[in-house]
Protein backbone atom coordinates (compact mmCIF):
# COMPACT_ATOMS: atom_id res chain seq x y z
CA UNK A 1 120.71 -51.06 -1.84
CA UNK A 2 121.35 -51.44 -5.54
CA UNK A 3 121.07 -47.68 -5.95
CA UNK A 4 123.72 -47.13 -3.27
CA UNK A 5 126.16 -49.53 -4.93
CA UNK A 6 125.60 -47.91 -8.33
CA UNK A 7 126.43 -44.46 -6.98
CA UNK A 8 129.03 -45.26 -4.32
CA UNK A 9 130.40 -48.66 -5.34
CA UNK A 10 133.74 -47.39 -6.60
CA UNK A 11 134.18 -45.19 -3.53
CA UNK A 12 133.44 -48.09 -1.19
CA UNK A 13 135.94 -50.30 -3.02
CA UNK A 14 138.58 -47.56 -2.88
CA UNK A 15 138.12 -47.04 0.86
CA UNK A 16 138.30 -50.79 1.52
CA UNK A 17 141.50 -51.04 -0.56
CA UNK A 18 143.11 -48.19 1.38
CA UNK A 19 142.17 -49.81 4.69
CA UNK A 20 143.63 -53.12 3.46
CA UNK A 21 146.93 -51.45 2.46
CA UNK A 22 147.17 -49.71 5.84
CA UNK A 23 146.52 -53.03 7.58
CA UNK A 24 149.26 -54.77 5.59
CA UNK A 25 151.72 -51.97 6.34
CA UNK A 26 150.99 -52.20 10.06
CA UNK A 27 151.55 -55.96 9.99
CA UNK A 28 154.85 -55.67 8.11
CA UNK A 29 156.30 -52.58 9.74
CA UNK A 30 154.68 -53.03 13.14
CA UNK A 31 155.12 -50.75 16.09
CA UNK A 32 157.54 -52.56 18.39
CA UNK A 33 160.67 -54.67 18.35
CA UNK A 34 158.87 -57.76 17.01
CA UNK A 35 158.33 -56.28 13.53
CA UNK A 36 160.22 -57.51 10.49
CA UNK A 37 161.50 -54.06 9.55
CA UNK A 38 162.71 -53.29 13.08
CA UNK A 39 164.63 -56.57 13.28
CA UNK A 40 166.28 -56.04 9.89
CA UNK A 41 167.25 -52.45 10.69
CA UNK A 42 168.58 -53.45 14.12
CA UNK A 43 170.70 -56.24 12.63
CA UNK A 44 172.03 -53.83 9.99
CA UNK A 45 173.08 -51.24 12.58
CA UNK A 46 174.62 -53.84 14.91
CA UNK A 47 176.54 -55.43 12.03
CA UNK A 48 177.87 -52.05 10.93
CA UNK A 49 178.90 -51.19 14.49
CA UNK A 50 180.79 -54.48 14.91
CA UNK A 51 182.56 -54.16 11.54
CA UNK A 52 183.49 -50.54 12.22
CA UNK A 53 184.99 -51.47 15.59
CA UNK A 54 186.90 -54.36 14.05
CA UNK A 55 188.25 -52.18 11.24
CA UNK A 56 189.32 -49.51 13.73
CA UNK A 57 191.09 -52.08 15.87
CA UNK A 58 188.79 -51.82 18.87
CA UNK A 59 187.66 -54.86 20.74
CA UNK A 60 183.93 -55.60 20.62
CA UNK A 61 183.84 -56.67 24.26
CA UNK A 62 185.28 -54.52 27.08
């Protein structure tokens, strides 16, 4: 076991770090409408759409 860690220790640590980064990215970005990034992007687009309609003189509600 000690021999394995001497030869492959840095590789094992690197692989575990990459897996941890991928896990964190999946938690933050997510894959559906409950993710933080999706909510922020959706609010940004909706805010822009409302401001553009107001500036153009259109009503937001039909």
